[in-house]
Amino acid sequence: MNNKTLHIIGNEFIRKINHSAEWWEYRLMIYEQYCLTSLKNQTNKNFMILMSVCEYVPEKNQISLLHLLEKCGLQFVMYDINKITIAEALQQYSTKYDTVYHTRIDSDDMFHKDVISEIQSYDFAHRRALVFQKGYCYDCRNNRLQHYFMPSPPFSTIMFPMSIYLDQQKQNEYTQTIGHDTIFRGMKSIKLSENKYIVTVHNTNQVTIYQDDRTKFRGHETEIEIQNVDINIILKDFGISSDIYKTKIII
């Protein structure tokens, strides 16, 4: 990656359904303790968080989220997708950079501390995607950890020309994909290192679940539970502890 490339880490708090303020407070706690902590732990901090929200996030919780980002020490832009466009949100960057590396991570999941450095070791290429396929699934409620595999998970980086990135319709035409499930086979993809992310299972997951027999669930032979003796070693390598969840209010 050269100095004319902007590396964006895409986070979002967009749930097109009303939730209570307590629900959002809980999700912000999960974001701060897991996802945001993993970004703060990166050995390479040459990136910017792009946080998108919508009208379903109560104003009080949007203010709390803004405060978390302001004190994290990282570059960020936070914007309401229903009030301004992505081009307007990134106006200050659009003339400084020619290309964008967009890396997506869900707000309740984690990256290993070396992820940014690995991504940025690759030069720009038209329609190139960088994909982490194998990682971990962590049930923070019960301190259980297992291997996790997806051929085309949400943990992907897509390389864009800046002019295309700033226009959602052009983005769609450029990627020619419907969702993250089609990125790996639909783009010029490179498979990255193993065990560089953790998907987190907690009390308000809508999709991710912890399976006692993930071999049957995904059909991948390495998706098995990790023994307790190894869990804290792996969590420590991601810069977290199993005690984090226990010390917070759980809805």
Protein backbone atom coordinates (compact mmCIF):
# COMPACT_ATOMS: atom_id res chain seq x y z
CA MET A 1 0.00 0.00 0.00
CA ASN A 2 1.40 3.41 -0.94
CA ASN A 3 0.96 6.83 0.68
CA LYS A 4 -1.82 7.77 -1.76
CA THR A 5 -4.04 5.02 -0.36
CA LEU A 6 -6.52 5.55 2.47
CA HIS A 7 -7.13 2.45 4.58
CA ILE A 8 -10.66 2.49 5.97
CA ILE A 9 -11.95 0.14 8.65
CA GLY A 10 -15.70 -0.02 8.16
CA ASN A 11 -17.76 -0.30 11.35
CA GLU A 12 -21.50 0.22 11.54
CA PHE A 13 -24.34 0.50 14.01
CA ILE A 14 -27.19 0.07 11.58
CA ARG A 15 -30.08 -2.07 12.70
CA LYS A 16 -33.30 -1.27 10.86
CA ILE A 17 -35.38 -2.07 13.89
CA ASN A 18 -36.06 -0.20 17.12
CA HIS A 19 -34.24 -1.37 20.23
CA SER A 20 -34.26 -0.04 23.77
CA ALA A 21 -31.58 2.31 25.07
CA GLU A 22 -30.39 -0.56 27.31
CA TRP A 23 -29.94 -2.78 24.25
CA TRP A 24 -27.76 -0.15 22.61
CA GLU A 25 -25.77 0.45 25.79
CA TYR A 26 -24.99 -3.24 25.88
CA ARG A 27 -23.89 -3.29 22.22
CA LEU A 28 -21.68 -0.27 22.78
CA MET A 29 -20.06 -2.09 25.70
CA ILE A 30 -19.39 -5.08 23.45
CA TYR A 31 -17.98 -2.77 20.76
CA GLU A 32 -15.67 -0.99 23.19
CA GLN A 33 -14.38 -4.10 24.93
CA TYR A 34 -13.85 -6.27 21.87
CA CYS A 35 -13.91 -4.64 18.44
CA LEU A 36 -12.56 -1.19 19.32
CA THR A 37 -9.95 -2.67 21.66
CA SER A 38 -8.69 -4.89 18.84
CA LEU A 39 -8.32 -1.84 16.59
CA LYS A 40 -6.51 0.13 19.30
CA ASN A 41 -4.14 -2.84 19.69
CA GLN A 42 -3.02 -2.80 16.05
CA THR A 43 0.74 -2.59 15.60
CA ASN A 44 0.11 -0.45 12.50
CA LYS A 45 -2.31 2.41 13.16
CA ASN A 46 -2.23 3.87 9.66
CA PHE A 47 -5.98 3.54 9.12
CA MET A 48 -9.24 5.37 9.75
CA ILE A 49 -12.46 4.06 11.29
CA LEU A 50 -15.55 4.85 9.23
CA MET A 51 -18.49 4.49 11.61
CA SER A 52 -21.97 4.62 10.11
CA VAL A 53 -25.18 4.96 12.11
CA CYS A 54 -28.85 5.49 11.30
CA GLU A 55 -31.98 6.96 12.87
CA TYR A 56 -32.70 3.75 14.80
CA VAL A 57 -29.77 4.44 17.13
CA PRO A 58 -31.08 6.71 19.93
CA GLU A 59 -29.40 10.11 20.10
CA LYS A 60 -28.10 9.40 23.61
CA ASN A 61 -26.36 6.27 22.39
CA GLN A 62 -24.98 8.02 19.32
CA ILE A 63 -23.40 10.56 21.67
CA SER A 64 -21.93 7.73 23.76
CA LEU A 65 -20.52 6.09 20.62
CA LEU A 66 -18.99 9.39 19.52
CA HIS A 67 -17.32 9.75 22.92
CA LEU A 68 -15.84 6.25 22.64
CA LEU A 69 -14.34 7.10 19.26
CA GLU A 70 -13.06 10.48 20.42
CA LYS A 71 -11.10 8.94 23.29
CA CYS A 72 -9.77 5.88 21.42
CA GLY A 73 -6.83 7.76 19.91
CA LEU A 74 -7.53 6.60 16.34
CA GLN A 75 -8.62 8.55 13.28
CA PHE A 76 -12.33 8.25 12.65
CA VAL A 77 -15.32 9.64 10.79
CA MET A 78 -18.83 9.00 12.10
CA TYR A 79 -21.85 9.80 9.97
CA ASP A 80 -25.58 9.15 9.68
CA ILE A 81 -26.28 7.34 6.40
CA ASN A 82 -29.69 9.01 6.12
CA LYS A 83 -28.36 12.55 6.51
CA ILE A 84 -25.21 12.67 4.37
CA THR A 85 -23.59 10.57 1.66
CA ILE A 86 -20.33 8.71 2.01
CA ALA A 87 -18.77 11.25 -0.37
CA GLU A 88 -19.81 14.07 1.95
CA ALA A 89 -18.56 12.19 4.99
CA LEU A 90 -15.13 11.69 3.40
CA GLN A 91 -14.86 15.05 1.67
CA GLN A 92 -11.68 15.99 3.55
CA TYR A 93 -9.96 12.83 2.30
CA SER A 94 -11.21 12.60 -1.28
CA THR A 95 -8.58 14.90 -2.81
CA LYS A 96 -5.68 13.56 -0.73
CA TYR A 97 -5.91 9.92 -1.79
CA ASP A 98 -6.24 8.07 -5.08
CA THR A 99 -7.27 4.65 -3.79
CA VAL A 100 -9.05 3.08 -0.83
CA TYR A 101 -8.56 -0.21 0.99
CA HIS A 102 -11.90 -0.89 2.69
CA THR A 103 -11.76 -3.51 5.45
CA ARG A 104 -15.02 -4.55 7.03
CA ILE A 105 -15.44 -5.81 10.57
CA ASP A 106 -18.65 -6.25 12.54
CA SER A 107 -18.93 -4.12 15.65
CA ASP A 108 -18.86 -7.13 18.00
CA ASP A 109 -15.89 -8.97 16.49
CA MET A 110 -12.10 -8.69 16.70
CA PHE A 111 -8.93 -8.53 14.63
CA HIS A 112 -5.52 -9.82 15.64
CA LYS A 113 -3.02 -7.04 16.27
CA ASP A 114 -1.08 -7.73 13.03
CA VAL A 115 -4.05 -7.61 10.64
CA ILE A 116 -3.54 -4.04 9.40
CA SER A 117 0.13 -4.65 8.68
CA GLU A 118 -0.63 -7.78 6.71
CA ILE A 119 -3.32 -6.10 4.62
CA GLN A 120 -1.12 -3.13 3.83
CA SER A 121 1.71 -5.37 2.64
CA TYR A 122 -0.25 -5.91 -0.61
CA ASP A 123 -0.12 -3.45 -3.50
CA PHE A 124 -3.24 -2.07 -5.09
CA ALA A 125 -4.84 -4.08 -7.90
CA HIS A 126 -8.11 -3.48 -9.70
CA ARG A 127 -11.00 -5.46 -8.12
CA ARG A 128 -8.69 -7.20 -5.66
CA ALA A 129 -10.02 -8.61 -2.40
CA LEU A 130 -8.01 -9.83 0.60
CA VAL A 131 -9.84 -12.45 2.65
CA PHE A 132 -9.29 -13.99 6.08
CA GLN A 133 -11.07 -17.34 5.90
CA LYS A 134 -10.07 -19.16 9.06
CA GLY A 135 -10.32 -17.66 12.54
CA TYR A 136 -12.02 -18.30 15.86
CA CYS A 137 -15.50 -18.16 17.36
CA TYR A 138 -15.60 -17.08 21.02
CA ASP A 139 -18.57 -17.57 23.32
CA CYS A 140 -17.73 -14.87 25.85
CA ARG A 141 -20.67 -15.80 28.10
CA ASN A 142 -19.27 -19.26 28.81
CA ASN A 143 -15.59 -18.71 27.93
CA ARG A 144 -15.59 -21.24 25.09
CA LEU A 145 -13.48 -20.94 21.94
CA GLN A 146 -13.55 -22.93 18.72
CA HIS A 147 -12.04 -22.80 15.27
CA TYR A 148 -14.17 -21.02 12.68
CA PHE A 149 -14.08 -21.16 8.90
CA MET A 150 -15.98 -19.39 6.14
CA PRO A 151 -14.94 -19.38 2.47
CA SER A 152 -16.00 -15.74 2.13
CA PRO A 153 -16.55 -14.16 5.57
CA PRO A 154 -17.33 -10.52 6.39
CA PHE A 155 -13.66 -10.00 7.26
CA SER A 156 -12.65 -8.87 3.79
CA THR A 157 -10.71 -5.99 2.29
CA ILE A 158 -11.65 -4.62 -1.12
CA MET A 159 -9.37 -2.27 -3.05
CA PHE A 160 -11.16 0.64 -4.74
CA PRO A 161 -10.22 3.67 -6.82
CA MET A 162 -11.30 6.63 -4.67
CA SER A 163 -13.74 7.92 -7.31
CA ILE A 164 -15.57 4.57 -7.29
CA TYR A 165 -15.56 4.20 -3.53
CA LEU A 166 -17.33 7.53 -3.06
CA ASP A 167 -20.31 6.47 -5.17
CA GLN A 168 -22.43 3.57 -3.87
CA GLN A 169 -23.80 2.67 -7.29
CA LYS A 170 -20.30 2.58 -8.77
CA GLN A 171 -19.18 0.47 -5.81
CA ASN A 172 -21.84 -2.11 -6.60
CA GLU A 173 -20.92 -2.18 -10.28
CA TYR A 174 -17.23 -2.48 -9.41
CA THR A 175 -17.54 -5.38 -6.96
CA GLN A 176 -20.32 -7.17 -8.86
CA THR A 177 -21.22 -8.98 -5.66
CA ILE A 178 -24.43 -9.20 -3.67
CA GLY A 179 -22.85 -9.63 -0.26
CA HIS A 180 -19.74 -10.85 1.51
CA ASP A 181 -20.62 -14.47 0.70
CA THR A 182 -19.71 -13.91 -2.96
CA ILE A 183 -16.58 -11.77 -2.59
CA PHE A 184 -13.99 -14.54 -2.55
CA ARG A 185 -15.12 -16.24 -5.74
CA GLY A 186 -16.41 -13.09 -7.45
CA MET A 187 -13.28 -10.94 -7.23
CA LYS A 188 -9.52 -11.28 -7.69
CA SER A 189 -9.08 -12.61 -4.19
CA ILE A 190 -6.07 -13.50 -2.10
CA LYS A 191 -6.39 -15.74 0.94
CA LEU A 192 -4.65 -14.22 3.98
CA SER A 193 -3.19 -15.75 7.16
CA GLU A 194 -5.16 -18.04 9.44
CA ASN A 195 -6.39 -17.31 12.96
CA LYS A 196 -6.44 -13.52 12.56
CA TYR A 197 -10.00 -12.78 13.67
CA ILE A 198 -12.54 -13.72 16.32
CA VAL A 199 -16.30 -13.66 15.91
CA THR A 200 -17.94 -13.12 19.27
CA VAL A 201 -21.07 -14.81 20.60
CA HIS A 202 -22.89 -12.86 23.31
CA ASN A 203 -26.43 -12.05 24.41
CA THR A 204 -27.66 -10.02 21.44
CA ASN A 205 -26.22 -11.84 18.42
CA GLN A 206 -28.58 -11.91 15.47
CA VAL A 207 -26.63 -14.28 13.21
CA THR A 208 -23.49 -15.77 14.75
CA ILE A 209 -23.99 -18.80 16.98
CA TYR A 210 -21.68 -21.15 18.83
CA GLN A 211 -22.05 -24.75 17.70
CA ASP A 212 -21.02 -27.70 19.84
CA ASP A 213 -20.40 -29.63 16.63
CA ARG A 214 -19.34 -27.06 14.04
CA THR A 215 -18.08 -29.82 11.77
CA LYS A 216 -21.70 -30.66 10.98
CA PHE A 217 -22.72 -27.00 10.98
CA ARG A 218 -20.21 -25.80 8.36
CA GLY A 219 -18.88 -29.04 6.96
CA HIS A 220 -15.27 -28.11 7.67
CA GLU A 221 -13.19 -30.65 9.51
CA THR A 222 -11.01 -28.22 11.48
CA GLU A 223 -13.92 -26.46 13.18
CA ILE A 224 -13.60 -28.03 16.60
CA GLU A 225 -13.59 -26.73 20.15
CA ILE A 226 -10.30 -25.56 21.60
CA GLN A 227 -9.28 -26.94 24.98
CA ASN A 228 -9.56 -24.64 28.00
CA VAL A 229 -5.82 -24.66 28.59
CA ASP A 230 -5.28 -22.80 25.29
CA ILE A 231 -8.11 -20.28 25.44
CA ASN A 232 -6.43 -17.61 27.57
CA ILE A 233 -3.23 -17.87 25.53
CA ILE A 234 -5.18 -17.14 22.35
CA LEU A 235 -7.25 -14.37 23.94
CA LYS A 236 -4.11 -12.74 25.32
CA ASP A 237 -2.60 -12.78 21.83
CA PHE A 238 -5.65 -10.76 20.74
CA GLY A 239 -5.15 -8.36 23.65
CA ILE A 240 -8.23 -9.31 25.67
CA SER A 241 -9.09 -11.36 28.74
CA SER A 242 -11.93 -13.74 29.56
CA ASP A 243 -12.70 -11.55 32.59
CA ILE A 244 -13.90 -8.60 30.49
CA TYR A 245 -17.41 -9.87 29.90
CA LYS A 246 -17.96 -10.99 33.48
CA THR A 247 -17.23 -7.54 34.91
CA LYS A 248 -19.87 -5.75 32.80
CA ILE A 249 -23.64 -5.51 33.06
CA ILE A 250 -25.29 -8.18 30.93
CA ILE A 251 -28.84 -7.68 29.63
